[in-house]
């Protein structure tokens, strides 16, 4: 059982104020974690929970939110504390009232994402591993983006897929693709701070209509990997892309590379949710290999 008293005590200590919340109010929409809102007469906090051994996942999420917040670009929820209470691990963070809409909000999101991407460092990766969904995401730093994406992203997911029983054609296409990998990445990307899991469900707008991004899988990489995922399931709109491009135009060849980058997420969906994504993954590999003919 969840020790709500313990969580409230940790929130009070982290926020340096008394906090005696009402019973938790469940929040729907997630497929990995349970989520609730804890509130008293003055304050509200968003709390995500999972099994106790998942604490490192929440610790990495908190660190990722802090990393993005430090850029002073696009708004993210401020993390407050993480820990274990009863048999559950948790992360407590600022509760942001969503639902605002105003003209220009999508364009603002594009500009502010470009601003976040301008936060760079010398190596690709990050100082700690994290998760993409509930899948481990290795971030061991590398100065070689081709090797990083080949080995720590596509190669890692293909290895998981083999262990999950997806062998045969998927693996043979994957071997061919990994062998040809350098041909796809010749634009010299810099290591930009990435959200890492930027699909439409992880972007919303606060009560004033300002964009907010959340549920990150942070690392430093090619900014096109974030942009590619925004196109995978839709939901961002033309104003978002026009504003991003106006602020920081994408390099030639993005049309092909976005398939390469989105293949990572489709392989992850295959490993998380099953064979319904197998044909899509194989089709993406075939299209990429066809570009080399």
Protein backbone atom coordinates (compact mmCIF):
# COMPACT_ATOMS: atom_id res chain seq x y z
CA UNK A 1 0.00 0.00 0.00
CA UNK A 2 1.02 3.59 -0.56
CA UNK A 3 2.03 5.50 2.57
CA UNK A 4 0.36 8.83 1.75
CA UNK A 5 1.31 10.30 5.13
CA UNK A 6 4.97 9.70 4.33
CA UNK A 7 4.64 11.36 0.92
CA UNK A 8 2.90 14.38 2.48
CA UNK A 9 5.69 14.67 5.07
CA UNK A 10 8.35 14.59 2.34
CA UNK A 11 6.48 17.24 0.31
CA UNK A 12 6.20 19.44 3.40
CA UNK A 13 9.92 19.06 4.14
CA UNK A 14 10.96 19.71 0.53
CA UNK A 15 8.71 22.76 0.26
CA UNK A 16 9.48 24.07 3.76
CA UNK A 17 5.81 24.51 4.63
CA UNK A 18 3.07 22.49 6.38
CA UNK A 19 1.11 20.17 4.07
CA UNK A 20 -1.90 18.16 5.22
CA UNK A 21 -3.62 17.01 2.02
CA UNK A 22 -7.08 15.68 1.34
CA UNK A 23 -7.32 12.10 0.02
CA UNK A 24 -5.53 11.73 -3.34
CA UNK A 25 -7.51 12.50 -6.48
CA UNK A 26 -6.67 10.01 -9.28
CA UNK A 27 -5.58 11.37 -12.66
CA UNK A 28 -6.07 9.28 -15.80
CA UNK A 29 -4.15 9.10 -19.06
CA UNK A 30 -0.90 7.30 -18.27
CA UNK A 31 -0.04 3.73 -19.25
CA UNK A 32 3.18 3.30 -17.24
CA UNK A 33 2.52 4.96 -13.87
CA UNK A 34 -0.36 5.74 -11.53
CA UNK A 35 -0.92 9.48 -11.11
CA UNK A 36 -2.77 11.52 -8.49
CA UNK A 37 -3.15 15.11 -7.32
CA UNK A 38 -2.49 15.85 -3.66
CA UNK A 39 -3.85 19.14 -2.37
CA UNK A 40 -4.69 21.07 0.75
CA UNK A 41 -6.43 24.43 1.06
CA UNK A 42 -3.43 26.29 -0.38
CA UNK A 43 -1.28 23.99 -2.52
CA UNK A 44 -1.57 21.26 -5.16
CA UNK A 45 1.04 18.73 -6.26
CA UNK A 46 1.13 16.17 -9.04
CA UNK A 47 2.40 12.77 -7.87
CA UNK A 48 3.32 9.75 -10.00
CA UNK A 49 3.73 6.30 -8.48
CA UNK A 50 5.08 2.91 -9.48
CA UNK A 51 6.54 -0.14 -7.78
CA UNK A 52 9.28 0.52 -5.24
CA UNK A 53 12.09 -0.78 -7.46
CA UNK A 54 11.22 1.89 -10.05
CA UNK A 55 12.61 4.69 -7.88
CA UNK A 56 15.65 5.25 -10.19
CA UNK A 57 13.22 5.96 -13.04
CA UNK A 58 11.65 8.80 -11.03
CA UNK A 59 15.02 10.09 -9.84
CA UNK A 60 16.15 10.33 -13.47
CA UNK A 61 12.91 12.08 -14.43
CA UNK A 62 13.43 14.66 -11.68
CA UNK A 63 16.99 15.27 -12.87
CA UNK A 64 15.76 15.64 -16.46
CA UNK A 65 13.09 18.17 -15.48
CA UNK A 66 15.72 20.19 -13.60
CA UNK A 67 18.05 20.08 -16.62
CA UNK A 68 15.33 21.43 -18.92
CA UNK A 69 14.16 24.04 -16.40
CA UNK A 70 17.72 25.37 -16.11
CA UNK A 71 17.59 26.49 -19.77
CA UNK A 72 14.81 29.03 -18.96
CA UNK A 73 13.20 28.23 -22.30
CA UNK A 74 10.00 26.17 -22.41
CA UNK A 75 8.06 25.57 -19.20
CA UNK A 76 8.32 22.21 -17.40
CA UNK A 77 6.87 21.12 -14.04
CA UNK A 78 9.34 21.73 -11.21
CA UNK A 79 10.15 18.49 -9.38
CA UNK A 80 9.92 18.60 -5.60
CA UNK A 81 10.97 15.21 -4.23
CA UNK A 82 11.24 11.50 -4.96
CA UNK A 83 11.30 8.49 -2.69
CA UNK A 84 9.65 5.26 -1.55
CA UNK A 85 6.51 5.20 0.59
CA UNK A 86 5.15 1.81 1.56
CA UNK A 87 5.53 -0.44 -1.47
CA UNK A 88 5.48 2.42 -3.97
CA UNK A 89 8.12 4.73 -5.40
CA UNK A 90 7.00 8.23 -6.31
CA UNK A 91 7.89 11.61 -7.76
CA UNK A 92 6.11 14.75 -6.53
CA UNK A 93 6.20 17.89 -8.63
CA UNK A 94 4.57 21.22 -9.23
CA UNK A 95 0.95 20.90 -10.31
CA UNK A 96 0.26 23.00 -13.39
CA UNK A 97 -3.34 23.73 -14.29
CA UNK A 98 -3.64 22.88 -17.97
CA UNK A 99 -6.26 23.75 -20.52
CA UNK A 100 -5.48 27.29 -21.60
CA UNK A 101 -5.57 28.06 -25.31
CA UNK A 102 -4.59 31.20 -27.12
CA UNK A 103 -3.62 32.11 -30.64
CA UNK A 104 0.12 31.77 -31.12
CA UNK A 105 0.62 29.09 -28.47
CA UNK A 106 1.86 26.46 -30.95
CA UNK A 107 4.31 28.93 -32.49
CA UNK A 108 5.55 29.83 -29.01
CA UNK A 109 6.15 26.12 -28.35
CA UNK A 110 8.23 25.87 -31.54
CA UNK A 111 10.37 28.89 -30.64
CA UNK A 112 10.86 27.78 -27.05
CA UNK A 113 11.80 24.24 -28.04
CA UNK A 114 14.43 25.67 -30.40
CA UNK A 115 15.73 27.74 -27.48
CA UNK A 116 15.99 24.63 -25.30
CA UNK A 117 17.84 22.81 -28.09
CA UNK A 118 20.46 25.57 -28.07
CA UNK A 119 21.60 24.28 -24.68
CA UNK A 120 24.56 22.11 -25.69
CA UNK A 121 27.54 20.25 -24.27
CA UNK A 122 30.56 18.52 -25.76
CA UNK A 123 29.33 14.90 -25.68
CA UNK A 124 26.21 13.07 -26.79
CA UNK A 125 24.34 11.21 -24.06
CA UNK A 126 23.93 12.25 -20.43
CA UNK A 127 25.53 11.79 -17.03
CA UNK A 128 23.01 9.07 -16.10
CA UNK A 129 20.85 6.45 -17.74
CA UNK A 130 17.07 6.84 -17.68
CA UNK A 131 14.02 5.26 -19.30
CA UNK A 132 11.95 5.68 -22.44
CA UNK A 133 8.51 4.68 -21.22
CA UNK A 134 9.53 1.88 -18.86
CA UNK A 135 12.37 0.65 -21.11
CA UNK A 136 15.94 1.30 -19.95
CA UNK A 137 17.64 4.01 -22.02
CA UNK A 138 21.47 3.92 -21.85
CA UNK A 139 23.09 7.34 -22.08
CA UNK A 140 26.81 6.63 -21.66
CA UNK A 141 28.43 9.72 -23.21
CA UNK A 142 30.14 9.57 -26.60
CA UNK A 143 31.72 12.18 -28.86
CA UNK A 144 30.46 10.22 -31.91
CA UNK A 145 26.76 10.68 -32.69
CA UNK A 146 26.73 7.95 -35.33
CA UNK A 147 28.08 5.41 -32.85
CA UNK A 148 25.80 6.67 -30.08
CA UNK A 149 22.59 6.32 -32.11
CA UNK A 150 23.69 3.04 -33.67
CA UNK A 151 24.75 1.33 -30.42
CA UNK A 152 22.81 2.98 -27.57
CA UNK A 153 19.56 3.51 -29.43
CA UNK A 154 18.78 1.27 -32.44
CA UNK A 155 21.24 -1.49 -31.56
CA UNK A 156 20.01 -1.56 -27.97
CA UNK A 157 16.34 -1.81 -29.01
CA UNK A 158 17.10 -4.50 -31.59
CA UNK A 159 18.86 -6.51 -28.88
CA UNK A 160 15.80 -6.20 -26.64
CA UNK A 161 13.58 -7.25 -29.53
CA UNK A 162 15.67 -10.38 -30.11
CA UNK A 163 15.36 -11.29 -26.43
CA UNK A 164 11.61 -10.71 -26.70
CA UNK A 165 11.40 -13.24 -29.54
CA UNK A 166 11.43 -10.85 -32.53
CA UNK A 167 14.14 -12.39 -34.67
CA UNK A 168 14.16 -13.37 -38.34
CA UNK A 169 13.47 -10.58 -40.80
CA UNK A 170 13.52 -7.76 -38.24
CA UNK A 171 17.02 -8.67 -37.15
CA UNK A 172 18.36 -9.23 -40.67
CA UNK A 173 17.06 -5.82 -41.78
CA UNK A 174 18.48 -4.33 -38.59
CA UNK A 175 21.93 -5.80 -39.24
CA UNK A 176 21.97 -4.33 -42.74
CA UNK A 177 20.81 -0.94 -41.48
CA UNK A 178 23.40 -0.76 -38.70
CA UNK A 179 26.15 -1.69 -41.15
CA UNK A 180 25.17 1.21 -43.43
CA UNK A 181 24.58 3.67 -40.61
CA UNK A 182 27.17 6.39 -41.34
CA UNK A 183 25.60 7.11 -44.74
CA UNK A 184 22.50 8.54 -43.06
CA UNK A 185 24.15 11.01 -40.69
CA UNK A 186 26.51 13.41 -42.44
CA UNK A 187 25.20 16.80 -41.25
CA UNK A 188 27.41 17.13 -38.15
CA UNK A 189 24.79 17.65 -35.42
CA UNK A 190 25.79 19.27 -32.14
CA UNK A 191 24.75 17.69 -28.80
CA UNK A 192 21.55 19.58 -27.97
CA UNK A 193 19.47 19.09 -24.84
CA UNK A 194 16.53 16.89 -25.89
CA UNK A 195 13.23 16.12 -24.21
CA UNK A 196 13.66 12.63 -25.65
CA UNK A 197 10.00 11.51 -25.70
CA UNK A 198 8.28 14.46 -27.33
CA UNK A 199 5.00 13.09 -28.67
CA UNK A 200 1.76 15.07 -28.59
CA UNK A 201 0.67 13.66 -25.24
CA UNK A 202 3.70 15.24 -23.55
CA UNK A 203 2.89 18.81 -24.65
CA UNK A 204 0.09 20.86 -23.14
CA UNK A 205 -0.74 24.51 -22.42
CA UNK A 206 -1.12 26.08 -19.00
CA UNK A 207 -4.04 28.23 -17.89
CA UNK A 208 -2.44 31.27 -19.56
CA UNK A 209 -1.89 29.42 -22.84
CA UNK A 210 1.87 28.94 -22.43
CA UNK A 211 3.33 25.62 -23.64
CA UNK A 212 4.44 23.03 -21.09
CA UNK A 213 6.37 19.82 -21.78
CA UNK A 214 6.68 16.94 -19.33
CA UNK A 215 7.44 13.20 -18.92
CA UNK A 216 10.95 13.54 -20.42
CA UNK A 217 13.58 10.97 -21.37
CA UNK A 218 16.37 13.56 -21.37
CA UNK A 219 19.77 13.28 -23.08
CA UNK A 220 21.94 15.37 -25.39
CA UNK A 221 21.68 14.49 -29.06
CA UNK A 222 20.70 15.64 -32.54
CA UNK A 223 17.82 18.11 -32.14
CA UNK A 224 16.19 16.46 -35.16
CA UNK A 225 15.43 13.42 -32.98
CA UNK A 226 13.00 15.54 -30.92
CA UNK A 227 11.48 17.12 -34.03
CA UNK A 228 11.08 13.72 -35.67
CA UNK A 229 9.08 12.34 -32.76
CA UNK A 230 6.70 15.29 -32.85
CA UNK A 231 5.75 14.07 -36.33
CA UNK A 232 5.38 10.40 -35.39
CA UNK A 233 1.90 10.61 -33.85
CA UNK A 234 0.94 14.19 -34.80
CA UNK A 235 -0.60 16.88 -32.64
CA UNK A 236 1.80 19.82 -33.05
CA UNK A 237 0.52 21.67 -36.11
CA UNK A 238 2.00 23.79 -38.86
CA UNK A 239 2.53 26.91 -36.73
CA UNK A 240 4.80 24.93 -34.41
CA UNK A 241 7.07 23.75 -37.25
CA UNK A 242 7.09 27.11 -39.04
CA UNK A 243 8.18 28.89 -35.86
CA UNK A 244 10.89 26.33 -35.11
CA UNK A 245 12.24 26.50 -38.67
CA UNK A 246 12.19 30.29 -38.62
CA UNK A 247 14.24 30.29 -35.42
CA UNK A 248 16.63 27.45 -36.35
CA UNK A 249 16.20 25.84 -39.80
CA UNK A 250 16.71 22.10 -40.10
CA UNK A 251 19.56 20.73 -42.19
CA UNK A 252 19.08 19.12 -45.62
CA UNK A 253 18.31 15.41 -45.37
CA UNK A 254 15.95 15.65 -42.40
CA UNK A 255 13.18 13.90 -44.37
CA UNK A 256 15.19 10.67 -44.36
CA UNK A 257 16.73 11.06 -40.92
CA UNK A 258 13.37 11.51 -39.22
CA UNK A 259 12.49 7.93 -40.22
CA UNK A 260 15.80 6.76 -38.76
CA UNK A 261 15.13 8.57 -35.50
CA UNK A 262 11.50 7.48 -35.24
CA UNK A 263 12.48 3.86 -35.81
CA UNK A 264 13.88 3.94 -32.28
CA UNK A 265 10.45 4.77 -30.83
CA UNK A 266 8.63 2.20 -32.96
CA UNK A 267 11.09 -0.49 -31.84
CA UNK A 268 10.49 0.63 -28.27
CA UNK A 269 6.74 0.33 -28.78
CA UNK A 270 7.31 -3.15 -30.19
CA UNK A 271 9.23 -4.10 -27.05
CA UNK A 272 6.70 -2.49 -24.71
CA UNK A 273 3.38 -3.29 -26.36
CA UNK A 274 3.92 -6.24 -28.69
CA UNK A 275 3.85 -7.39 -32.28
CA UNK A 276 1.39 -4.83 -33.61
CA UNK A 277 4.43 -2.64 -34.29
CA UNK A 278 6.52 -5.31 -36.02
CA UNK A 279 5.36 -4.60 -39.57
CA UNK A 280 5.79 -0.85 -39.09
CA UNK A 281 9.36 -1.30 -37.83
CA UNK A 282 10.28 -3.57 -40.75
CA UNK A 283 8.68 -1.18 -43.24
CA UNK A 284 10.69 1.75 -41.88
CA UNK A 285 13.92 -0.23 -42.21
CA UNK A 286 13.08 -1.15 -45.78
CA UNK A 287 12.43 2.50 -46.68
CA UNK A 288 15.72 3.56 -45.15
CA UNK A 289 17.69 0.88 -46.95
CA UNK A 290 15.97 1.83 -50.22
CA UNK A 291 17.44 5.33 -49.86
CA UNK A 292 20.92 3.81 -50.32
CA UNK A 293 20.23 2.21 -53.70
